[in-house]
Structure formats: structure tokens, C-alpha cells
Amino acid sequence: MRISADTFYKLKIVLLVFILFSCTPKKPPEIEYVPEGSLKGIASWYGADFHGRPTASGETYNMYDYTCAHREYPFGTRLRVVNLQNGKDVVCTVNDRGPFIPGRDLDLSYASAKKIGLIGPGTAEVLMQPIGRDMSYVRYVKYTPTSGLLTIQVGAFREIENAMRLKQALNLKYQNVYINKVLLRGETFYRVRVGKFTNYDEAYSLAKLMGQEGYKVIITNFTGGKDEI
């Protein structure tokens, strides 16, 4: 069957229009309403290098869980995170501190990042909407009976890298954070501690605040006030 010149010309026009529209970059989805309390920011992600290591909340980081790291939200905060480049969203739980790279506001676990298409690009602008909190992350203050000067212990690790990461997280909000190196039963531990207090009430006031944020805290005796690494 022969195609007339007029029909062939029309087919060329249709094909050209199709090609032009298919090559036009798609605009990112418009967010018409930003819920109260939501924030925009730049999200990144972290994965295998941290898999199996302790998070700032004390949980073990699992790159396949829907979790994230933020510098301010209390641990247990559930965030709905929307990728503003493609409209995909994920709900994840804050259980770590970070990111520590300037210009970034949220670090997603591998699973969370994958669900919103962040693995390839690495970073993207996102909308962060708090939608509640898992209150099991709130910690009660523990106290080791002692006398003299007091301090708040937040963690103890066999690996110095884990202690340094916790110290870095605490430095975002608290002062006088230090690492105390100690030898116990033939093993070296790095204890991350905060402050020096002359009485229990003073120590408890700060420890309670940290416990509400989600840190595991113990008030104990003060044995050093600077990094001993």
C-alpha cells in the first residue's frame, strides 16, 4: 500500500511532536501545601561503611531499616521524607545524629534512600515532615552511687572510632564532651562522657534532658576531664 505525500507529511509532524515532548525534561512535582512543622533541606545517605556500628541513640545501624540521622530531632521521631525531584516519599525513624558535611540536613539509611530514588544522585532536596515519635526511645537516668565530683556517661566502646562518632554527635548540642580511656579486666574501653558536676541535682538536670532526647545516660564518678586517647 502506497502512502500519499500528504499523509507521509502528517506522519512526520506527529513523529516530530512526539520526539520533542519525550525529550522535554519533566518538571519536579509541585508541593502546593507545606504542612506546619515541615522543613525543606538537602538529604544524603549512608550505607555499608556504617552497617553494624552503633548509632548515637545506642542502636546498631542497619542499612536495610527505614531510619535516618538528623542533627536536632529527638531520637524516635518519625519523619515523612518527600524527594522534591520525583515526589517519592518514605517514612523513617531518627535514630542517629548527622550529617556532618556542610550543606546537608538529613542522612538516610540505604533502604530509605532507595525508596525515594536517592541512591544514584546521592543528594536531593527533600521535605521533612514530623509525624509522631516512638516514645520507647526516651531513656531514664541511671545513677551509680558515689561521692565527690560527678559526670554523665553516654557510652563505652572497645573501638575508638565508635567513641569518636558519639562524641561528634554530642558536640552538636552539649559542651565539655570528652573521651575517657580505661583498662578493665585486660580490655581497653573508650568511655564518652559529658561535664563535671559538684552535686547530683546539677548532673541530673542535664542527664534528664539528654535522656528525653534519647541518649542512654548514667551519672557516675568523675575521673578525668579531657580526652585521654
C-alpha atoms as a PDB file:
ATOM      1  CA  MET A   1       0.000   0.000   0.000  1.00  0.00           C
ATOM      2  CA  ARG A   2       1.412   3.359  -1.026  1.00  0.00           C
ATOM      3  CA  ILE A   3       1.233   6.348   1.336  1.00  0.00           C
ATOM      4  CA  SER A   4       0.363   9.687  -0.190  1.00  0.00           C
ATOM      5  CA  ALA A   5       2.762  12.593   0.173  1.00  0.00           C
ATOM      6  CA  ASP A   6       0.212  14.454   2.290  1.00  0.00           C
ATOM      7  CA  THR A   7      -0.226  11.522   4.709  1.00  0.00           C
ATOM      8  CA  PHE A   8       3.526  10.996   4.903  1.00  0.00           C
ATOM      9  CA  TYR A   9       3.992  14.685   5.778  1.00  0.00           C
ATOM     10  CA  LYS A  10       1.398  14.459   8.573  1.00  0.00           C
ATOM     11  CA  LEU A  11       3.090  11.361   9.984  1.00  0.00           C
ATOM     12  CA  LYS A  12       6.399  13.219  10.077  1.00  0.00           C
ATOM     13  CA  ILE A  13       4.787  16.082  12.014  1.00  0.00           C
ATOM     14  CA  VAL A  14       3.241  13.672  14.554  1.00  0.00           C
ATOM     15  CA  LEU A  15       6.573  11.891  14.999  1.00  0.00           C
ATOM     16  CA  LEU A  16       8.424  15.172  15.462  1.00  0.00           C
ATOM     17  CA  VAL A  17       5.964  16.363  18.124  1.00  0.00           C
ATOM     18  CA  PHE A  18       6.293  13.018  19.955  1.00  0.00           C
ATOM     19  CA  ILE A  19      10.083  13.268  19.970  1.00  0.00           C
ATOM     20  CA  LEU A  20      10.029  16.865  21.219  1.00  0.00           C
ATOM     21  CA  PHE A  21       7.678  16.076  24.103  1.00  0.00           C
ATOM     22  CA  SER A  22       9.538  12.927  25.098  1.00  0.00           C
ATOM     23  CA  CYS A  23      12.828  14.820  25.257  1.00  0.00           C
ATOM     24  CA  THR A  24      11.483  17.740  27.294  1.00  0.00           C
ATOM     25  CA  PRO A  25      12.710  17.466  30.903  1.00  0.00           C
ATOM     26  CA  LYS A  26       9.907  16.760  33.332  1.00  0.00           C
ATOM     27  CA  LYS A  27       9.330  19.384  35.967  1.00  0.00           C
ATOM     28  CA  PRO A  28       9.631  18.227  39.583  1.00  0.00           C
ATOM     29  CA  PRO A  29       6.263  17.799  41.288  1.00  0.00           C
ATOM     30  CA  GLU A  30       4.811  20.951  42.805  1.00  0.00           C
ATOM     31  CA  ILE A  31       4.265  20.881  46.560  1.00  0.00           C
ATOM     32  CA  GLU A  32       1.193  23.069  46.852  1.00  0.00           C
ATOM     33  CA  TYR A  33       0.897  22.818  50.650  1.00  0.00           C
ATOM     34  CA  VAL A  34       3.753  22.501  53.122  1.00  0.00           C
ATOM     35  CA  PRO A  35       2.393  21.014  56.375  1.00  0.00           C
ATOM     36  CA  GLU A  36       3.029  23.024  59.539  1.00  0.00           C
ATOM     37  CA  GLY A  37       6.260  21.995  61.212  1.00  0.00           C
ATOM     38  CA  SER A  38       7.773  20.665  57.986  1.00  0.00           C
ATOM     39  CA  LEU A  39      11.185  21.729  56.741  1.00  0.00           C
ATOM     40  CA  LYS A  40      12.957  21.661  53.418  1.00  0.00           C
ATOM     41  CA  GLY A  41      16.591  20.557  53.270  1.00  0.00           C
ATOM     42  CA  ILE A  42      19.234  18.556  51.455  1.00  0.00           C
ATOM     43  CA  ALA A  43      19.268  14.811  52.098  1.00  0.00           C
ATOM     44  CA  SER A  44      22.107  12.362  51.538  1.00  0.00           C
ATOM     45  CA  TRP A  45      22.513   8.718  52.578  1.00  0.00           C
ATOM     46  CA  TYR A  46      24.947   6.376  54.327  1.00  0.00           C
ATOM     47  CA  GLY A  47      25.327   2.646  53.957  1.00  0.00           C
ATOM     48  CA  ALA A  48      27.798  -0.215  54.134  1.00  0.00           C
ATOM     49  CA  ASP A  49      30.651   1.708  55.810  1.00  0.00           C
ATOM     50  CA  PHE A  50      28.496   2.185  58.907  1.00  0.00           C
ATOM     51  CA  HIS A  51      26.455  -1.041  58.779  1.00  0.00           C
ATOM     52  CA  GLY A  52      26.688  -2.859  62.127  1.00  0.00           C
ATOM     53  CA  ARG A  53      28.149   0.107  64.001  1.00  0.00           C
ATOM     54  CA  PRO A  54      26.382   1.779  66.942  1.00  0.00           C
ATOM     55  CA  THR A  55      24.301   4.864  66.237  1.00  0.00           C
ATOM     56  CA  ALA A  56      24.181   7.874  68.551  1.00  0.00           C
ATOM     57  CA  SER A  57      20.966   6.502  70.095  1.00  0.00           C
ATOM     58  CA  GLY A  58      22.756   3.281  71.014  1.00  0.00           C
ATOM     59  CA  GLU A  59      21.002   1.163  68.386  1.00  0.00           C
ATOM     60  CA  THR A  60      23.028  -0.795  65.857  1.00  0.00           C
ATOM     61  CA  TYR A  61      22.859   0.780  62.412  1.00  0.00           C
ATOM     62  CA  ASN A  62      21.133  -1.465  59.880  1.00  0.00           C
ATOM     63  CA  MET A  63      21.295  -0.046  56.376  1.00  0.00           C
ATOM     64  CA  TYR A  64      18.201  -2.074  55.416  1.00  0.00           C
ATOM     65  CA  ASP A  65      15.970  -0.490  58.090  1.00  0.00           C
ATOM     66  CA  TYR A  66      13.954   2.657  57.445  1.00  0.00           C
ATOM     67  CA  THR A  67      15.963   5.020  59.639  1.00  0.00           C
ATOM     68  CA  CYS A  68      17.765   8.334  59.317  1.00  0.00           C
ATOM     69  CA  ALA A  69      20.169  10.719  61.028  1.00  0.00           C
ATOM     70  CA  HIS A  70      19.359  14.331  61.898  1.00  0.00           C
ATOM     71  CA  ARG A  71      21.184  16.897  63.985  1.00  0.00           C
ATOM     72  CA  GLU A  72      18.231  18.044  66.119  1.00  0.00           C
ATOM     73  CA  TYR A  73      15.109  15.867  66.063  1.00  0.00           C
ATOM     74  CA  PRO A  74      14.822  13.679  69.206  1.00  0.00           C
ATOM     75  CA  PHE A  75      15.548  10.003  68.671  1.00  0.00           C
ATOM     76  CA  GLY A  76      12.394   8.110  67.798  1.00  0.00           C
ATOM     77  CA  THR A  77      10.962  10.984  65.725  1.00  0.00           C
ATOM     78  CA  ARG A  78       9.160   9.574  62.685  1.00  0.00           C
ATOM     79  CA  LEU A  79       9.744  11.638  59.559  1.00  0.00           C
ATOM     80  CA  ARG A  80       7.862  11.544  56.285  1.00  0.00           C
ATOM     81  CA  VAL A  81      10.548  12.465  53.757  1.00  0.00           C
ATOM     82  CA  VAL A  82       9.498  13.562  50.257  1.00  0.00           C
ATOM     83  CA  ASN A  83      12.014  13.742  47.415  1.00  0.00           C
ATOM     84  CA  LEU A  84      11.099  17.035  45.731  1.00  0.00           C
ATOM     85  CA  GLN A  85      12.705  15.908  42.474  1.00  0.00           C
ATOM     86  CA  ASN A  86      10.346  12.984  41.872  1.00  0.00           C
ATOM     87  CA  GLY A  87       7.588  13.131  44.512  1.00  0.00           C
ATOM     88  CA  LYS A  88       8.507   9.773  46.071  1.00  0.00           C
ATOM     89  CA  ASP A  89       8.233   9.530  49.851  1.00  0.00           C
ATOM     90  CA  VAL A  90       9.312   7.321  52.753  1.00  0.00           C
ATOM     91  CA  VAL A  91       8.623   7.230  56.489  1.00  0.00           C
ATOM     92  CA  CYS A  92      11.747   6.674  58.583  1.00  0.00           C
ATOM     93  CA  THR A  93      12.779   6.943  62.238  1.00  0.00           C
ATOM     94  CA  VAL A  94      15.531   9.234  63.542  1.00  0.00           C
ATOM     95  CA  ASN A  95      17.991   7.062  65.488  1.00  0.00           C
ATOM     96  CA  ASP A  96      21.311   8.768  64.753  1.00  0.00           C
ATOM     97  CA  ARG A  97      22.982  12.167  64.535  1.00  0.00           C
ATOM     98  CA  GLY A  98      24.303  13.776  61.378  1.00  0.00           C
ATOM     99  CA  PRO A  99      25.039  14.561  58.649  1.00  0.00           C
ATOM    100  CA  PHE A 100      28.307  16.316  59.447  1.00  0.00           C
ATOM    101  CA  ILE A 101      29.009  17.592  55.925  1.00  0.00           C
ATOM    102  CA  PRO A 102      28.174  21.315  55.499  1.00  0.00           C
ATOM    103  CA  GLY A 103      25.117  21.959  53.349  1.00  0.00           C
ATOM    104  CA  ARG A 104      23.386  18.662  54.186  1.00  0.00           C
ATOM    105  CA  ASP A 105      20.469  18.366  56.590  1.00  0.00           C
ATOM    106  CA  LEU A 106      19.452  14.694  56.659  1.00  0.00           C
ATOM    107  CA  ASP A 107      21.242  11.358  56.256  1.00  0.00           C
ATOM    108  CA  LEU A 108      19.001   8.497  55.124  1.00  0.00           C
ATOM    109  CA  SER A 109      19.693   4.815  55.561  1.00  0.00           C
ATOM    110  CA  TYR A 110      20.295   2.868  52.354  1.00  0.00           C
ATOM    111  CA  ALA A 111      16.743   1.442  52.418  1.00  0.00           C
ATOM    112  CA  SER A 112      15.151   4.862  52.972  1.00  0.00           C
ATOM    113  CA  ALA A 113      17.240   6.467  50.231  1.00  0.00           C
ATOM    114  CA  LYS A 114      16.483   3.676  47.769  1.00  0.00           C
ATOM    115  CA  LYS A 115      12.731   4.037  48.261  1.00  0.00           C
ATOM    116  CA  ILE A 116      12.782   7.698  47.190  1.00  0.00           C
ATOM    117  CA  GLY A 117      15.311   7.309  44.367  1.00  0.00           C
ATOM    118  CA  LEU A 118      18.300   8.894  46.115  1.00  0.00           C
ATOM    119  CA  ILE A 119      20.933   6.183  45.640  1.00  0.00           C
ATOM    120  CA  GLY A 120      22.028   7.297  42.161  1.00  0.00           C
ATOM    121  CA  PRO A 121      22.006  11.094  42.572  1.00  0.00           C
ATOM    122  CA  GLY A 122      23.458  10.883  46.092  1.00  0.00           C
ATOM    123  CA  THR A 123      21.718  14.048  47.314  1.00  0.00           C
ATOM    124  CA  ALA A 124      18.401  15.774  46.699  1.00  0.00           C
ATOM    125  CA  GLU A 125      16.195  18.489  48.124  1.00  0.00           C
ATOM    126  CA  VAL A 126      13.563  16.956  50.367  1.00  0.00           C
ATOM    127  CA  LEU A 127      10.626  17.911  52.534  1.00  0.00           C
ATOM    128  CA  MET A 128      10.835  16.609  56.127  1.00  0.00           C
ATOM    129  CA  GLN A 129       7.532  16.266  57.983  1.00  0.00           C
ATOM    130  CA  PRO A 130       7.493  15.003  61.601  1.00  0.00           C
ATOM    131  CA  ILE A 131       4.509  12.673  62.026  1.00  0.00           C
ATOM    132  CA  GLY A 132       4.982  11.445  65.586  1.00  0.00           C
ATOM    133  CA  ARG A 133       7.518   9.849  67.888  1.00  0.00           C
ATOM    134  CA  ASP A 134       8.269   6.387  69.217  1.00  0.00           C
ATOM    135  CA  MET A 135       8.457   7.177  72.928  1.00  0.00           C
ATOM    136  CA  SER A 136      10.362   3.978  73.706  1.00  0.00           C
ATOM    137  CA  TYR A 137      13.463   5.985  72.762  1.00  0.00           C
ATOM    138  CA  VAL A 138      13.110   8.110  75.902  1.00  0.00           C
ATOM    139  CA  ARG A 139      15.706   6.939  78.463  1.00  0.00           C
ATOM    140  CA  TYR A 140      15.577   7.046  82.241  1.00  0.00           C
ATOM    141  CA  VAL A 141      18.603   8.351  84.102  1.00  0.00           C
ATOM    142  CA  LYS A 142      20.711   5.697  85.824  1.00  0.00           C
ATOM    143  CA  TYR A 143      22.873   6.519  88.816  1.00  0.00           C
ATOM    144  CA  THR A 144      25.941   4.819  90.211  1.00  0.00           C
ATOM    145  CA  PRO A 145      26.138   5.713  93.957  1.00  0.00           C
ATOM    146  CA  THR A 146      29.354   7.592  94.530  1.00  0.00           C
ATOM    147  CA  SER A 147      30.808  10.643  96.240  1.00  0.00           C
ATOM    148  CA  GLY A 148      32.785  13.616  95.039  1.00  0.00           C
ATOM    149  CA  LEU A 149      32.654  15.072  91.549  1.00  0.00           C
ATOM    150  CA  LEU A 150      30.193  13.584  89.068  1.00  0.00           C
ATOM    151  CA  THR A 151      29.944  13.203  85.309  1.00  0.00           C
ATOM    152  CA  ILE A 152      27.453  11.825  82.769  1.00  0.00           C
ATOM    153  CA  GLN A 153      28.478   8.740  80.800  1.00  0.00           C
ATOM    154  CA  VAL A 154      26.718   8.248  77.454  1.00  0.00           C
ATOM    155  CA  GLY A 155      28.568   5.254  76.023  1.00  0.00           C
ATOM    156  CA  ALA A 156      31.561   2.932  76.338  1.00  0.00           C
ATOM    157  CA  PHE A 157      33.233   1.284  73.342  1.00  0.00           C
ATOM    158  CA  ARG A 158      36.079  -1.051  72.522  1.00  0.00           C
ATOM    159  CA  GLU A 159      36.728   0.769  69.237  1.00  0.00           C
ATOM    160  CA  ILE A 160      37.912   4.373  69.357  1.00  0.00           C
ATOM    161  CA  GLU A 161      36.117   5.145  66.060  1.00  0.00           C
ATOM    162  CA  ASN A 162      32.733   4.470  67.669  1.00  0.00           C
ATOM    163  CA  ALA A 163      33.577   6.687  70.632  1.00  0.00           C
ATOM    164  CA  MET A 164      34.673   9.483  68.318  1.00  0.00           C
ATOM    165  CA  ARG A 165      31.415   9.296  66.353  1.00  0.00           C
ATOM    166  CA  LEU A 166      29.341   9.586  69.515  1.00  0.00           C
ATOM    167  CA  LYS A 167      31.444  12.485  70.739  1.00  0.00           C
ATOM    168  CA  GLN A 168      30.945  14.226  67.390  1.00  0.00           C
ATOM    169  CA  ALA A 169      27.177  13.756  67.728  1.00  0.00           C
ATOM    170  CA  LEU A 170      27.085  15.101  71.281  1.00  0.00           C
ATOM    171  CA  ASN A 171      29.189  18.120  70.352  1.00  0.00           C
ATOM    172  CA  LEU A 172      26.301  19.331  68.172  1.00  0.00           C
ATOM    173  CA  LYS A 173      24.385  20.330  71.317  1.00  0.00           C
ATOM    174  CA  TYR A 174      26.397  19.768  74.505  1.00  0.00           C
ATOM    175  CA  GLN A 175      29.585  21.212  75.946  1.00  0.00           C
ATOM    176  CA  ASN A 176      32.515  19.586  77.729  1.00  0.00           C
ATOM    177  CA  VAL A 177      32.230  16.250  75.911  1.00  0.00           C
ATOM    178  CA  TYR A 178      35.311  14.077  76.373  1.00  0.00           C
ATOM    179  CA  ILE A 179      36.582  10.523  75.950  1.00  0.00           C
ATOM    180  CA  ASN A 180      37.995   8.704  78.971  1.00  0.00           C
ATOM    181  CA  LYS A 181      40.273   5.757  78.193  1.00  0.00           C
ATOM    182  CA  VAL A 182      40.271   2.989  80.791  1.00  0.00           C
ATOM    183  CA  LEU A 183      41.661  -0.554  81.138  1.00  0.00           C
ATOM    184  CA  LEU A 184      39.136  -3.001  82.622  1.00  0.00           C
ATOM    185  CA  ARG A 185      39.893  -6.695  83.119  1.00  0.00           C
ATOM    186  CA  GLY A 186      42.611  -6.562  80.491  1.00  0.00           C
ATOM    187  CA  GLU A 187      40.464  -4.762  77.881  1.00  0.00           C
ATOM    188  CA  THR A 188      40.643  -1.136  76.790  1.00  0.00           C
ATOM    189  CA  PHE A 189      37.400   0.859  76.738  1.00  0.00           C
ATOM    190  CA  TYR A 190      36.722   4.359  75.499  1.00  0.00           C
ATOM    191  CA  ARG A 191      34.046   5.999  77.633  1.00  0.00           C
ATOM    192  CA  VAL A 192      32.209   9.013  76.214  1.00  0.00           C
ATOM    193  CA  ARG A 193      31.296  11.449  78.971  1.00  0.00           C
ATOM    194  CA  VAL A 194      29.831  14.919  79.420  1.00  0.00           C
ATOM    195  CA  GLY A 195      30.664  17.562  82.014  1.00  0.00           C
ATOM    196  CA  LYS A 196      31.893  17.792  85.588  1.00  0.00           C
ATOM    197  CA  PHE A 197      29.376  18.417  88.368  1.00  0.00           C
ATOM    198  CA  THR A 198      29.748  19.168  92.054  1.00  0.00           C
ATOM    199  CA  ASN A 199      26.360  17.767  93.091  1.00  0.00           C
ATOM    200  CA  TYR A 200      23.763  15.262  91.978  1.00  0.00           C
ATOM    201  CA  ASP A 201      20.969  17.754  91.220  1.00  0.00           C
ATOM    202  CA  GLU A 202      23.177  19.629  88.784  1.00  0.00           C
ATOM    203  CA  ALA A 203      24.168  16.434  86.981  1.00  0.00           C
ATOM    204  CA  TYR A 204      20.612  15.075  86.992  1.00  0.00           C
ATOM    205  CA  SER A 205      19.198  18.228  85.371  1.00  0.00           C
ATOM    206  CA  LEU A 206      21.353  17.746  82.268  1.00  0.00           C
ATOM    207  CA  ALA A 207      21.134  13.936  82.288  1.00  0.00           C
ATOM    208  CA  LYS A 208      17.331  14.082  82.303  1.00  0.00           C
ATOM    209  CA  LEU A 209      17.365  16.416  79.288  1.00  0.00           C
ATOM    210  CA  MET A 210      19.693  14.045  77.431  1.00  0.00           C
ATOM    211  CA  GLY A 211      17.552  11.060  78.374  1.00  0.00           C
ATOM    212  CA  GLN A 212      14.456  12.784  76.998  1.00  0.00           C
ATOM    213  CA  GLU A 213      16.346  13.320  73.757  1.00  0.00           C
ATOM    214  CA  GLY A 214      17.044   9.584  73.620  1.00  0.00           C
ATOM    215  CA  TYR A 215      20.603   9.175  74.901  1.00  0.00           C
ATOM    216  CA  LYS A 216      21.462   6.359  77.323  1.00  0.00           C
ATOM    217  CA  VAL A 217      22.855   8.211  80.326  1.00  0.00           C
ATOM    218  CA  ILE A 218      24.463   7.177  83.610  1.00  0.00           C
ATOM    219  CA  ILE A 219      25.545   9.577  86.346  1.00  0.00           C
ATOM    220  CA  THR A 220      28.834   8.313  87.751  1.00  0.00           C
ATOM    221  CA  ASN A 221      32.058   9.491  89.353  1.00  0.00           C
ATOM    222  CA  PHE A 222      34.285  11.951  87.503  1.00  0.00           C
ATOM    223  CA  THR A 223      37.725  10.546  86.733  1.00  0.00           C
ATOM    224  CA  GLY A 224      39.037  12.872  84.043  1.00  0.00           C
ATOM    225  CA  GLY A 225      38.054  15.995  82.198  1.00  0.00           C
ATOM    226  CA  LYS A 226      39.836  15.789  78.879  1.00  0.00           C
ATOM    227  CA  ASP A 227      40.343  13.344  76.064  1.00  0.00           C
ATOM    228  CA  GLU A 228      42.636  10.537  77.123  1.00  0.00           C
ATOM    229  CA  ILE A 229      43.351   8.794  73.848  1.00  0.00           C
END
